[in-house]
PDB file of all heavy atoms in Angstrom:
ATOM      1  N   GLY A   1     -89.314-246.943  33.992  1.00  0.00           N
ATOM      2  CA  GLY A   1     -89.951-246.157  35.042  1.00  0.00           C
ATOM      3  C   GLY A   1     -91.193-246.869  35.542  1.00  0.00           C
ATOM      4  O   GLY A   1     -91.375-248.073  35.327  1.00  0.00           O
ATOM      5  N   VAL A   2     -92.072-246.106  36.186  1.00  0.00           N
ATOM      6  CA  VAL A   2     -93.292-246.696  36.739  1.00  0.00           C
ATOM      7  C   VAL A   2     -94.479-245.768  36.501  1.00  0.00           C
ATOM      8  O   VAL A   2     -94.322-244.546  36.376  1.00  0.00           O
ATOM      9  CB  VAL A   2     -93.175-246.982  38.258  1.00  0.00           C
ATOM     10  CG1 VAL A   2     -92.108-248.013  38.545  1.00  0.00           C
ATOM     11  CG2 VAL A   2     -92.928-245.695  39.033  1.00  0.00           C
ATOM     12  N   TYR A   3     -95.654-246.373  36.414  1.00  0.00           N
ATOM     13  CA  TYR A   3     -96.926-245.666  36.550  1.00  0.00           C
ATOM     14  C   TYR A   3     -97.454-245.973  37.944  1.00  0.00           C
ATOM     15  O   TYR A   3     -97.358-247.123  38.410  1.00  0.00           O
ATOM     16  CB  TYR A   3     -97.957-246.152  35.526  1.00  0.00           C
ATOM     17  CG  TYR A   3     -97.803-245.598  34.134  1.00  0.00           C
ATOM     18  CD1 TYR A   3     -96.943-246.202  33.219  1.00  0.00           C
ATOM     19  CD2 TYR A   3     -98.532-244.491  33.721  1.00  0.00           C
ATOM     20  CE1 TYR A   3     -96.811-245.713  31.931  1.00  0.00           C
ATOM     21  CE2 TYR A   3     -98.408-243.994  32.424  1.00  0.00           C
ATOM     22  CZ  TYR A   3     -97.551-244.607  31.544  1.00  0.00           C
ATOM     23  OH  TYR A   3     -97.419-244.121  30.265  1.00  0.00           O
ATOM     24  N   VAL A   4     -98.036-244.988  38.594  1.00  0.00           N
ATOM     25  CA  VAL A   4     -98.668-245.209  39.895  1.00  0.00           C
ATOM     26  C   VAL A   4    -100.069-244.612  39.869  1.00  0.00           C
ATOM     27  O   VAL A   4    -100.352-243.691  39.097  1.00  0.00           O
ATOM     28  CB  VAL A   4     -97.855-244.593  41.050  1.00  0.00           C
ATOM     29  CG1 VAL A   4     -96.477-245.226  41.147  1.00  0.00           C
ATOM     30  CG2 VAL A   4     -97.735-243.078  40.893  1.00  0.00           C
ATOM     31  N   ALA A   5    -100.934-245.147  40.733  1.00  0.00           N
ATOM     32  CA  ALA A   5    -102.273-244.593  40.895  1.00  0.00           C
ATOM     33  C   ALA A   5    -102.536-244.227  42.350  1.00  0.00           C
ATOM     34  O   ALA A   5    -103.631-243.814  42.694  1.00  0.00           O
ATOM     35  CB  ALA A   5    -103.321-245.588  40.417  1.00  0.00           C
ATOM     36  N   SER A   6    -101.512-244.390  43.185  1.00  0.00           N
ATOM     37  CA  SER A   6    -101.626-244.143  44.615  1.00  0.00           C
ATOM     38  C   SER A   6    -100.580-243.124  45.048  1.00  0.00           C
ATOM     39  O   SER A   6     -99.386-243.283  44.760  1.00  0.00           O
ATOM     40  CB  SER A   6    -101.433-245.461  45.383  1.00  0.00           C
ATOM     41  OG  SER A   6    -101.110-245.225  46.738  1.00  0.00           O
ATOM     42  N   ASP A   7    -101.018-242.082  45.756  1.00  0.00           N
ATOM     43  CA  ASP A   7    -100.075-241.093  46.287  1.00  0.00           C
ATOM     44  C   ASP A   7     -99.132-241.728  47.302  1.00  0.00           C
ATOM     45  O   ASP A   7     -97.951-241.370  47.373  1.00  0.00           O
ATOM     46  CB  ASP A   7    -100.836-239.929  46.932  1.00  0.00           C
ATOM     47  CG  ASP A   7    -101.659-239.141  45.923  1.00  0.00           C
ATOM     48  OD1 ASP A   7    -101.303-239.162  44.727  1.00  0.00           O
ATOM     49  OD2 ASP A   7    -102.657-238.514  46.326  1.00  0.00           O
ATOM     50  N   LEU A   8     -99.654-242.670  48.085  1.00  0.00           N
ATOM     51  CA  LEU A   8     -98.812-243.365  49.063  1.00  0.00           C
ATOM     52  C   LEU A   8     -97.673-244.098  48.376  1.00  0.00           C
ATOM     53  O   LEU A   8     -96.510-244.012  48.791  1.00  0.00           O
ATOM     54  CB  LEU A   8     -99.655-244.373  49.850  1.00  0.00           C
ATOM     55  CG  LEU A   8    -100.341-243.917  51.135  1.00  0.00           C
ATOM     56  CD1 LEU A   8    -101.172-245.056  51.701  1.00  0.00           C
ATOM     57  CD2 LEU A   8     -99.329-243.437  52.156  1.00  0.00           C
ATOM     58  N   LEU A   9     -98.000-244.816  47.324  1.00  0.00           N
ATOM     59  CA  LEU A   9     -96.976-245.586  46.606  1.00  0.00           C
ATOM     60  C   LEU A   9     -95.987-244.648  45.919  1.00  0.00           C
ATOM     61  O   LEU A   9     -94.784-244.927  45.892  1.00  0.00           O
ATOM     62  CB  LEU A   9     -97.630-246.508  45.579  1.00  0.00           C
ATOM     63  CG  LEU A   9     -96.680-247.425  44.811  1.00  0.00           C
ATOM     64  CD1 LEU A   9     -95.915-248.339  45.759  1.00  0.00           C
ATOM     65  CD2 LEU A   9     -97.438-248.260  43.774  1.00  0.00           C
ATOM     66  N   ALA A  10     -96.460-243.539  45.385  1.00  0.00           N
ATOM     67  CA  ALA A  10     -95.559-242.577  44.744  1.00  0.00           C
ATOM     68  C   ALA A  10     -94.510-242.086  45.732  1.00  0.00           C
ATOM     69  O   ALA A  10     -93.313-242.014  45.411  1.00  0.00           O
ATOM     70  CB  ALA A  10     -96.360-241.410  44.179  1.00  0.00           C
ATOM     71  N   ARG A  11     -94.942-241.747  46.936  1.00  0.00           N
ATOM     72  CA  ARG A  11     -93.978-241.279  47.951  1.00  0.00           C
ATOM     73  C   ARG A  11     -93.013-242.392  48.327  1.00  0.00           C
ATOM     74  O   ARG A  11     -91.800-242.153  48.495  1.00  0.00           O
ATOM     75  CB  ARG A  11     -94.727-240.780  49.185  1.00  0.00           C
ATOM     76  CG  ARG A  11     -95.418-239.439  48.998  1.00  0.00           C
ATOM     77  CD  ARG A  11     -95.841-238.833  50.323  1.00  0.00           C
ATOM     78  NE  ARG A  11     -96.909-239.601  50.945  1.00  0.00           N
ATOM     79  CZ  ARG A  11     -98.208-239.376  50.743  1.00  0.00           C
ATOM     80  NH1 ARG A  11     -98.592-238.423  49.910  1.00  0.00           N
ATOM     81  NH2 ARG A  11     -99.108-240.100  51.373  1.00  0.00           N
ATOM     82  N   HIS A  12     -93.525-243.596  48.457  1.00  0.00           N
ATOM     83  CA  HIS A  12     -92.689-244.747  48.824  1.00  0.00           C
ATOM     84  C   HIS A  12     -91.586-244.986  47.788  1.00  0.00           C
ATOM     85  O   HIS A  12     -90.409-245.184  48.135  1.00  0.00           O
ATOM     86  CB  HIS A  12     -93.586-245.978  48.958  1.00  0.00           C
ATOM     87  CG  HIS A  12     -92.859-247.262  49.200  1.00  0.00           C
ATOM     88  ND1 HIS A  12     -92.178-247.520  50.368  1.00  0.00           N
ATOM     89  CD2 HIS A  12     -92.706-248.380  48.409  1.00  0.00           C
ATOM     90  CE1 HIS A  12     -91.632-248.737  50.300  1.00  0.00           C
ATOM     91  NE2 HIS A  12     -91.938-249.269  49.114  1.00  0.00           N
ATOM     92  N   LEU A  13     -91.953-244.948  46.517  1.00  0.00           N
ATOM     93  CA  LEU A  13     -90.979-245.223  45.460  1.00  0.00           C
ATOM     94  C   LEU A  13     -90.003-244.064  45.289  1.00  0.00           C
ATOM     95  O   LEU A  13     -88.832-244.289  44.960  1.00  0.00           O
ATOM     96  CB  LEU A  13     -91.709-245.514  44.149  1.00  0.00           C
ATOM     97  CG  LEU A  13     -92.659-246.722  44.172  1.00  0.00           C
ATOM     98  CD1 LEU A  13     -93.272-246.960  42.798  1.00  0.00           C
ATOM     99  CD2 LEU A  13     -91.945-247.981  44.656  1.00  0.00           C
ATOM    100  N   ARG A  14     -90.462-242.849  45.504  1.00  0.00           N
ATOM    101  CA  ARG A  14     -89.553-241.690  45.417  1.00  0.00           C
ATOM    102  C   ARG A  14     -88.488-241.741  46.502  1.00  0.00           C
ATOM    103  O   ARG A  14     -87.345-241.331  46.278  1.00  0.00           O
ATOM    104  CB  ARG A  14     -90.346-240.388  45.524  1.00  0.00           C
ATOM    105  CG  ARG A  14     -91.025-239.968  44.227  1.00  0.00           C
ATOM    106  CD  ARG A  14     -91.363-238.488  44.247  1.00  0.00           C
ATOM    107  NE  ARG A  14     -92.022-238.100  42.995  1.00  0.00           N
ATOM    108  CZ  ARG A  14     -93.332-237.961  42.853  1.00  0.00           C
ATOM    109  NH1 ARG A  14     -94.132-238.176  43.907  1.00  0.00           N
ATOM    110  NH2 ARG A  14     -93.854-237.599  41.700  1.00  0.00           N
ATOM    111  N   GLN A  15     -88.876-242.216  47.673  1.00  0.00           N
ATOM    112  CA  GLN A  15     -87.893-242.347  48.751  1.00  0.00           C
ATOM    113  C   GLN A  15     -86.814-243.355  48.387  1.00  0.00           C
ATOM    114  O   GLN A  15     -85.644-243.191  48.731  1.00  0.00           O
ATOM    115  CB  GLN A  15     -88.594-242.756  50.048  1.00  0.00           C
ATOM    116  CG  GLN A  15     -89.451-241.653  50.661  1.00  0.00           C
ATOM    117  CD  GLN A  15     -90.261-242.130  51.852  1.00  0.00           C
ATOM    118  OE1 GLN A  15     -90.225-243.315  52.209  1.00  0.00           O
ATOM    119  NE2 GLN A  15     -90.995-241.219  52.474  1.00  0.00           N
ATOM    120  N   LYS A  16     -87.212-244.402  47.668  1.00  0.00           N
ATOM    121  CA  LYS A  16     -86.252-245.415  47.256  1.00  0.00           C
ATOM    122  C   LYS A  16     -85.363-244.935  46.113  1.00  0.00           C
ATOM    123  O   LYS A  16     -84.184-245.294  46.037  1.00  0.00           O
ATOM    124  CB  LYS A  16     -86.988-246.690  46.813  1.00  0.00           C
ATOM    125  CG  LYS A  16     -87.573-247.523  47.944  1.00  0.00           C
ATOM    126  CD  LYS A  16     -88.349-248.700  47.383  1.00  0.00           C
ATOM    127  CE  LYS A  16     -88.682-249.715  48.446  1.00  0.00           C
ATOM    128  NZ  LYS A  16     -87.521-250.509  48.872  1.00  0.00           N
ATOM    129  N   CYS A  17     -85.936-244.137  45.209  1.00  0.00           N
ATOM    130  CA  CYS A  17     -85.183-243.667  44.038  1.00  0.00           C
ATOM    131  C   CYS A  17     -85.708-242.288  43.639  1.00  0.00           C
ATOM    132  O   CYS A  17     -86.632-242.180  42.823  1.00  0.00           O
ATOM    133  CB  CYS A  17     -85.329-244.655  42.885  1.00  0.00           C
ATOM    134  SG  CYS A  17     -84.346-244.212  41.426  1.00  0.00           S
ATOM    135  N   PRO A  18     -85.140-241.216  44.199  1.00  0.00           N
ATOM    136  CA  PRO A  18     -85.676-239.864  43.974  1.00  0.00           C
ATOM    137  C   PRO A  18     -85.727-239.436  42.513  1.00  0.00           C
ATOM    138  O   PRO A  18     -86.596-238.663  42.132  1.00  0.00           O
ATOM    139  CB  PRO A  18     -84.714-238.976  44.780  1.00  0.00           C
ATOM    140  CG  PRO A  18     -84.136-239.885  45.817  1.00  0.00           C
ATOM    141  CD  PRO A  18     -84.036-241.229  45.157  1.00  0.00           C
ATOM    142  N   GLY A  19     -84.836-239.910  41.678  1.00  0.00           N
ATOM    143  CA  GLY A  19     -84.788-239.428  40.297  1.00  0.00           C
ATOM    144  C   GLY A  19     -85.548-240.268  39.290  1.00  0.00           C
ATOM    145  O   GLY A  19     -85.463-240.013  38.090  1.00  0.00           O
ATOM    146  N   LEU A  20     -86.302-241.240  39.770  1.00  0.00           N
ATOM    147  CA  LEU A  20     -86.973-242.158  38.853  1.00  0.00           C
ATOM    148  C   LEU A  20     -88.093-241.465  38.076  1.00  0.00           C
ATOM    149  O   LEU A  20     -88.765-240.567  38.582  1.00  0.00           O
ATOM    150  CB  LEU A  20     -87.552-243.342  39.618  1.00  0.00           C
ATOM    151  CG  LEU A  20     -88.168-244.448  38.766  1.00  0.00           C
ATOM    152  CD1 LEU A  20     -87.092-245.193  37.997  1.00  0.00           C
ATOM    153  CD2 LEU A  20     -88.960-245.418  39.638  1.00  0.00           C
ATOM    154  N   ASN A  21     -88.303-241.908  36.838  1.00  0.00           N
ATOM    155  CA  ASN A  21     -89.396-241.414  36.012  1.00  0.00           C
ATOM    156  C   ASN A  21     -90.704-242.030  36.528  1.00  0.00           C
ATOM    157  O   ASN A  21     -90.971-243.210  36.334  1.00  0.00           O
ATOM    158  CB  ASN A  21     -89.154-241.802  34.552  1.00  0.00           C
ATOM    159  CG  ASN A  21     -90.147-241.161  33.593  1.00  0.00           C
ATOM    160  OD1 ASN A  21     -91.272-240.841  33.951  1.00  0.00           O
ATOM    161  ND2 ASN A  21     -89.727-240.985  32.352  1.00  0.00           N
ATOM    162  N   ILE A  22     -91.524-241.210  37.181  1.00  0.00           N
ATOM    163  CA  ILE A  22     -92.790-241.675  37.750  1.00  0.00           C
ATOM    164  C   ILE A  22     -93.935-240.953  37.057  1.00  0.00           C
ATOM    165  O   ILE A  22     -94.018-239.728  37.071  1.00  0.00           O
ATOM    166  CB  ILE A  22     -92.854-241.435  39.274  1.00  0.00           C
ATOM    167  CG1 ILE A  22     -91.736-242.201  39.984  1.00  0.00           C
ATOM    168  CG2 ILE A  22     -94.220-241.870  39.821  1.00  0.00           C
ATOM    169  CD1 ILE A  22     -91.756-242.058  41.498  1.00  0.00           C
ATOM    170  N   ARG A  23     -94.815-241.735  36.448  1.00  0.00           N
ATOM    171  CA  ARG A  23     -95.984-241.194  35.758  1.00  0.00           C
ATOM    172  C   ARG A  23     -97.248-241.509  36.555  1.00  0.00           C
ATOM    173  O   ARG A  23     -97.330-242.556  37.185  1.00  0.00           O
ATOM    174  CB  ARG A  23     -96.093-241.791  34.350  1.00  0.00           C
ATOM    175  CG  ARG A  23     -94.874-241.549  33.475  1.00  0.00           C
ATOM    176  CD  ARG A  23     -95.007-242.261  32.141  1.00  0.00           C
ATOM    177  NE  ARG A  23     -93.864-242.040  31.271  1.00  0.00           N
ATOM    178  CZ  ARG A  23     -93.706-242.594  30.078  1.00  0.00           C
ATOM    179  NH1 ARG A  23     -94.657-243.399  29.606  1.00  0.00           N
ATOM    180  NH2 ARG A  23     -92.641-242.344  29.350  1.00  0.00           N
ATOM    181  N   LEU A  24     -98.185-240.602  36.488  1.00  0.00           N
ATOM    182  CA  LEU A  24     -99.441-240.797  37.191  1.00  0.00           C
ATOM    183  C   LEU A  24    -100.452-241.452  36.249  1.00  0.00           C
ATOM    184  O   LEU A  24    -100.788-240.889  35.201  1.00  0.00           O
ATOM    185  CB  LEU A  24     -99.996-239.462  37.693  1.00  0.00           C
ATOM    186  CG  LEU A  24    -101.212-239.574  38.617  1.00  0.00           C
ATOM    187  CD1 LEU A  24    -100.822-240.237  39.933  1.00  0.00           C
ATOM    188  CD2 LEU A  24    -101.819-238.205  38.884  1.00  0.00           C
ATOM    189  N   GLY A  25    -100.912-242.650  36.614  1.00  0.00           N
ATOM    190  CA  GLY A  25    -101.873-243.380  35.798  1.00  0.00           C
ATOM    191  C   GLY A  25    -103.289-242.874  35.983  1.00  0.00           C
ATOM    192  O   GLY A  25    -103.621-242.234  36.983  1.00  0.00           O
ATOM    193  N   MET A  26    -104.164-243.208  35.033  1.00  0.00           N
ATOM    194  CA  MET A  26    -105.503-242.621  35.048  1.00  0.00           C
ATOM    195  C   MET A  26    -106.387-243.187  36.158  1.00  0.00           C
ATOM    196  O   MET A  26    -107.390-242.567  36.507  1.00  0.00           O
ATOM    197  CB  MET A  26    -106.186-242.780  33.693  1.00  0.00           C
ATOM    198  CG  MET A  26    -106.476-244.170  33.247  1.00  0.00           C
ATOM    199  SD  MET A  26    -107.266-244.130  31.602  1.00  0.00           S
ATOM    200  CE  MET A  26    -107.514-245.876  31.322  1.00  0.00           C
ATOM    201  N   ASN A  27    -106.041-244.337  36.759  1.00  0.00           N
ATOM    202  CA  ASN A  27    -106.859-244.831  37.862  1.00  0.00           C
ATOM    203  C   ASN A  27    -106.815-243.897  39.068  1.00  0.00           C
ATOM    204  O   ASN A  27    -107.744-243.888  39.873  1.00  0.00           O
ATOM    205  CB  ASN A  27    -106.416-246.237  38.271  1.00  0.00           C
ATOM    206  CG  ASN A  27    -106.997-247.298  37.373  1.00  0.00           C
ATOM    207  OD1 ASN A  27    -107.671-246.988  36.390  1.00  0.00           O
ATOM    208  ND2 ASN A  27    -106.747-248.554  37.692  1.00  0.00           N
ATOM    209  N   ARG A  28    -105.772-243.113  39.191  1.00  0.00           N
ATOM    210  CA  ARG A  28    -105.709-242.112  40.263  1.00  0.00           C
ATOM    211  C   ARG A  28    -106.805-241.063  40.094  1.00  0.00           C
ATOM    212  O   ARG A  28    -107.296-240.486  41.068  1.00  0.00           O
ATOM    213  CB  ARG A  28    -104.322-241.444  40.253  1.00  0.00           C
ATOM    214  CG  ARG A  28    -104.186-240.182  41.082  1.00  0.00           C
ATOM    215  CD  ARG A  28    -104.365-240.431  42.561  1.00  0.00           C
ATOM    216  NE  ARG A  28    -104.136-239.219  43.330  1.00  0.00           N
ATOM    217  CZ  ARG A  28    -105.031-238.250  43.500  1.00  0.00           C
ATOM    218  NH1 ARG A  28    -106.237-238.349  42.926  1.00  0.00           N
ATOM    219  NH2 ARG A  28    -104.737-237.178  44.216  1.00  0.00           N
ATOM    220  N   LEU A  29    -107.218-240.823  38.864  1.00  0.00           N
ATOM    221  CA  LEU A  29    -108.180-239.760  38.570  1.00  0.00           C
ATOM    222  C   LEU A  29    -109.629-240.231  38.646  1.00  0.00           C
ATOM    223  O   LEU A  29    -110.541-239.407  38.759  1.00  0.00           O
ATOM    224  CB  LEU A  29    -107.919-239.204  37.166  1.00  0.00           C
ATOM    225  CG  LEU A  29    -106.468-238.854  36.846  1.00  0.00           C
ATOM    226  CD1 LEU A  29    -106.329-238.510  35.372  1.00  0.00           C
ATOM    227  CD2 LEU A  29    -105.995-237.703  37.708  1.00  0.00           C
ATOM    228  N   LEU A  30    -109.828-241.540  38.590  1.00  0.00           N
ATOM    229  CA  LEU A  30    -111.185-242.066  38.522  1.00  0.00           C
ATOM    230  C   LEU A  30    -112.008-241.687  39.747  1.00  0.00           C
ATOM    231  O   LEU A  30    -113.225-241.552  39.665  1.00  0.00           O
ATOM    232  CB  LEU A  30    -111.153-243.581  38.379  1.00  0.00           C
ATOM    233  CG  LEU A  30    -110.627-244.118  37.051  1.00  0.00           C
ATOM    234  CD1 LEU A  30    -110.416-245.617  37.139  1.00  0.00           C
ATOM    235  CD2 LEU A  30    -111.606-243.795  35.926  1.00  0.00           C
ATOM    236  N   MET A  31    -111.349-241.524  40.872  1.00  0.00           N
ATOM    237  CA  MET A  31    -112.062-241.275  42.112  1.00  0.00           C
ATOM    238  C   MET A  31    -112.246-239.778  42.396  1.00  0.00           C
ATOM    239  O   MET A  31    -112.839-239.412  43.406  1.00  0.00           O
ATOM    240  CB  MET A  31    -111.311-241.931  43.283  1.00  0.00           C
ATOM    241  CG  MET A  31    -110.806-243.334  42.991  1.00  0.00           C
ATOM    242  SD  MET A  31    -112.081-244.457  42.356  1.00  0.00           S
ATOM    243  CE  MET A  31    -111.107-245.924  42.008  1.00  0.00           C
ATOM    244  N   GLU A  32    -111.712-238.935  41.541  1.00  0.00           N
ATOM    245  CA  GLU A  32    -111.805-237.492  41.748  1.00  0.00           C
ATOM    246  C   GLU A  32    -113.116-236.956  41.188  1.00  0.00           C
ATOM    247  O   GLU A  32    -113.444-237.183  40.021  1.00  0.00           O
ATOM    248  CB  GLU A  32    -110.628-236.776  41.069  1.00  0.00           C
ATOM    249  CG  GLU A  32    -109.279-237.070  41.679  1.00  0.00           C
ATOM    250  CD  GLU A  32    -109.127-236.495  43.075  1.00  0.00           C
ATOM    251  OE1 GLU A  32    -109.817-235.490  43.386  1.00  0.00           O
ATOM    252  OE2 GLU A  32    -108.327-237.040  43.848  1.00  0.00           O
ATOM    253  N   LYS A  33    -113.862-236.251  42.014  1.00  0.00           N
ATOM    254  CA  LYS A  33    -115.128-235.672  41.565  1.00  0.00           C
ATOM    255  C   LYS A  33    -114.914-234.383  40.779  1.00  0.00           C
ATOM    256  O   LYS A  33    -115.722-234.024  39.929  1.00  0.00           O
ATOM    257  CB  LYS A  33    -116.034-235.419  42.764  1.00  0.00           C
ATOM    258  CG  LYS A  33    -116.473-236.691  43.482  1.00  0.00           C
ATOM    259  CD  LYS A  33    -117.405-236.377  44.645  1.00  0.00           C
ATOM    260  CE  LYS A  33    -117.850-237.661  45.343  1.00  0.00           C
ATOM    261  NZ  LYS A  33    -118.754-237.376  46.487  1.00  0.00           N
ATOM    262  N   LYS A  34    -113.823-233.676  41.074  1.00  0.00           N
ATOM    263  CA  LYS A  34    -113.561-232.408  40.404  1.00  0.00           C
ATOM    264  C   LYS A  34    -112.223-232.494  39.683  1.00  0.00           C
ATOM    265  O   LYS A  34    -111.168-232.374  40.288  1.00  0.00           O
ATOM    266  CB  LYS A  34    -113.564-231.253  41.405  1.00  0.00           C
ATOM    267  CG  LYS A  34    -113.407-229.889  40.744  1.00  0.00           C
ATOM    268  CD  LYS A  34    -113.437-228.778  41.784  1.00  0.00           C
ATOM    269  CE  LYS A  34    -113.288-227.408  41.121  1.00  0.00           C
ATOM    270  NZ  LYS A  34    -113.287-226.303  42.108  1.00  0.00           N
ATOM    271  N   ARG A  35    -112.268-232.716  38.397  1.00  0.00           N
ATOM    272  CA  ARG A  35    -111.052-232.825  37.594  1.00  0.00           C
ATOM    273  C   ARG A  35    -110.988-231.613  36.656  1.00  0.00           C
ATOM    274  O   ARG A  35    -111.216-231.730  35.456  1.00  0.00           O
ATOM    275  CB  ARG A  35    -111.040-234.127  36.784  1.00  0.00           C
ATOM    276  CG  ARG A  35    -111.162-235.396  37.600  1.00  0.00           C
ATOM    277  CD  ARG A  35    -111.021-236.628  36.720  1.00  0.00           C
ATOM    278  NE  ARG A  35    -111.914-236.593  35.581  1.00  0.00           N
ATOM    279  CZ  ARG A  35    -113.159-237.016  35.580  1.00  0.00           C
ATOM    280  NH1 ARG A  35    -113.681-237.526  36.693  1.00  0.00           N
ATOM    281  NH2 ARG A  35    -113.915-236.944  34.495  1.00  0.00           N
ATOM    282  N   ASP A  36    -110.671-230.468  37.225  1.00  0.00           N
ATOM    283  CA  ASP A  36    -110.584-229.267  36.396  1.00  0.00           C
ATOM    284  C   ASP A  36    -109.134-229.019  35.995  1.00  0.00           C
ATOM    285  O   ASP A  36    -108.219-229.774  36.373  1.00  0.00           O
ATOM    286  CB  ASP A  36    -111.174-228.054  37.115  1.00  0.00           C
ATOM    287  CG  ASP A  36    -110.503-227.776  38.456  1.00  0.00           C
ATOM    288  OD1 ASP A  36    -109.416-228.339  38.724  1.00  0.00           O
ATOM    289  OD2 ASP A  36    -111.064-226.989  39.251  1.00  0.00           O
ATOM    290  N   ALA A  37    -108.910-227.953  35.221  1.00  0.00           N
ATOM    291  CA  ALA A  37    -107.563-227.664  34.720  1.00  0.00           C
ATOM    292  C   ALA A  37    -106.588-227.391  35.867  1.00  0.00           C
ATOM    293  O   ALA A  37    -105.422-227.791  35.808  1.00  0.00           O
ATOM    294  CB  ALA A  37    -107.614-226.481  33.760  1.00  0.00           C
ATOM    295  N   GLY A  38    -107.070-226.714  36.922  1.00  0.00           N
ATOM    296  CA  GLY A  38    -106.201-226.441  38.065  1.00  0.00           C
ATOM    297  C   GLY A  38    -105.706-227.711  38.714  1.00  0.00           C
ATOM    298  O   GLY A  38    -104.537-227.811  39.116  1.00  0.00           O
ATOM    299  N   PHE A  39    -106.580-228.711  38.817  1.00  0.00           N
ATOM    300  CA  PHE A  39    -106.206-229.996  39.401  1.00  0.00           C
ATOM    301  C   PHE A  39    -105.143-230.691  38.549  1.00  0.00           C
ATOM    302  O   PHE A  39    -104.115-231.161  39.060  1.00  0.00           O
ATOM    303  CB  PHE A  39    -107.448-230.870  39.522  1.00  0.00           C
ATOM    304  CG  PHE A  39    -107.190-232.276  39.972  1.00  0.00           C
ATOM    305  CD1 PHE A  39    -106.769-232.556  41.252  1.00  0.00           C
ATOM    306  CD2 PHE A  39    -107.369-233.347  39.093  1.00  0.00           C
ATOM    307  CE1 PHE A  39    -106.531-233.866  41.670  1.00  0.00           C
ATOM    308  CE2 PHE A  39    -107.132-234.646  39.491  1.00  0.00           C
ATOM    309  CZ  PHE A  39    -106.718-234.903  40.785  1.00  0.00           C
ATOM    310  N   TYR A  40    -105.361-230.728  37.242  1.00  0.00           N
ATOM    311  CA  TYR A  40    -104.385-231.353  36.347  1.00  0.00           C
ATOM    312  C   TYR A  40    -103.045-230.605  36.372  1.00  0.00           C
ATOM    313  O   TYR A  40    -101.972-231.230  36.391  1.00  0.00           O
ATOM    314  CB  TYR A  40    -104.933-231.386  34.921  1.00  0.00           C
ATOM    315  CG  TYR A  40    -105.849-232.548  34.636  1.00  0.00           C
ATOM    316  CD1 TYR A  40    -107.210-232.357  34.397  1.00  0.00           C
ATOM    317  CD2 TYR A  40    -105.363-233.849  34.582  1.00  0.00           C
ATOM    318  CE1 TYR A  40    -108.051-233.424  34.107  1.00  0.00           C
ATOM    319  CE2 TYR A  40    -106.193-234.920  34.302  1.00  0.00           C
ATOM    320  CZ  TYR A  40    -107.541-234.701  34.068  1.00  0.00           C
ATOM    321  OH  TYR A  40    -108.364-235.763  33.792  1.00  0.00           O
ATOM    322  N   ASN A  41    -103.087-229.284  36.347  1.00  0.00           N
ATOM    323  CA  ASN A  41    -101.842-228.508  36.346  1.00  0.00           C
ATOM    324  C   ASN A  41    -101.056-228.725  37.634  1.00  0.00           C
ATOM    325  O   ASN A  41     -99.822-228.739  37.616  1.00  0.00           O
ATOM    326  CB  ASN A  41    -102.151-227.029  36.145  1.00  0.00           C
ATOM    327  CG  ASN A  41    -102.576-226.712  34.721  1.00  0.00           C
ATOM    328  OD1 ASN A  41    -102.121-227.335  33.776  1.00  0.00           O
ATOM    329  ND2 ASN A  41    -103.457-225.740  34.560  1.00  0.00           N
ATOM    330  N   MET A  42    -101.770-228.904  38.760  1.00  0.00           N
ATOM    331  CA  MET A  42    -101.098-229.196  40.017  1.00  0.00           C
ATOM    332  C   MET A  42    -100.402-230.554  39.951  1.00  0.00           C
ATOM    333  O   MET A  42     -99.247-230.703  40.362  1.00  0.00           O
ATOM    334  CB  MET A  42    -102.122-229.168  41.161  1.00  0.00           C
ATOM    335  CG  MET A  42    -101.544-229.523  42.542  1.00  0.00           C
ATOM    336  SD  MET A  42    -101.558-231.316  42.882  1.00  0.00           S
ATOM    337  CE  MET A  42    -103.332-231.647  42.958  1.00  0.00           C
ATOM    338  N   LEU A  43    -101.078-231.561  39.402  1.00  0.00           N
ATOM    339  CA  LEU A  43    -100.477-232.893  39.293  1.00  0.00           C
ATOM    340  C   LEU A  43     -99.244-232.874  38.387  1.00  0.00           C
ATOM    341  O   LEU A  43     -98.276-233.604  38.632  1.00  0.00           O
ATOM    342  CB  LEU A  43    -101.502-233.884  38.747  1.00  0.00           C
ATOM    343  CG  LEU A  43    -102.694-234.218  39.645  1.00  0.00           C
ATOM    344  CD1 LEU A  43    -103.677-235.118  38.911  1.00  0.00           C
ATOM    345  CD2 LEU A  43    -102.230-234.887  40.934  1.00  0.00           C
ATOM    346  N   ALA A  44     -99.281-232.040  37.359  1.00  0.00           N
ATOM    347  CA  ALA A  44     -98.160-231.976  36.411  1.00  0.00           C
ATOM    348  C   ALA A  44     -96.884-231.453  37.067  1.00  0.00           C
ATOM    349  O   ALA A  44     -95.788-231.678  36.547  1.00  0.00           O
ATOM    350  CB  ALA A  44     -98.534-231.109  35.215  1.00  0.00           C
TER     351      ALA A  44
END
């Protein structure tokens, strides 16, 4: 599968392979000022 840190890239790869195992890497979170439980639950 893949890890991604970009929403753009996640959409791009999903279009190529909708069923692929895609994990969200922690660099995606580094730029977020508000990382509360609601934010994490939405990403999940």
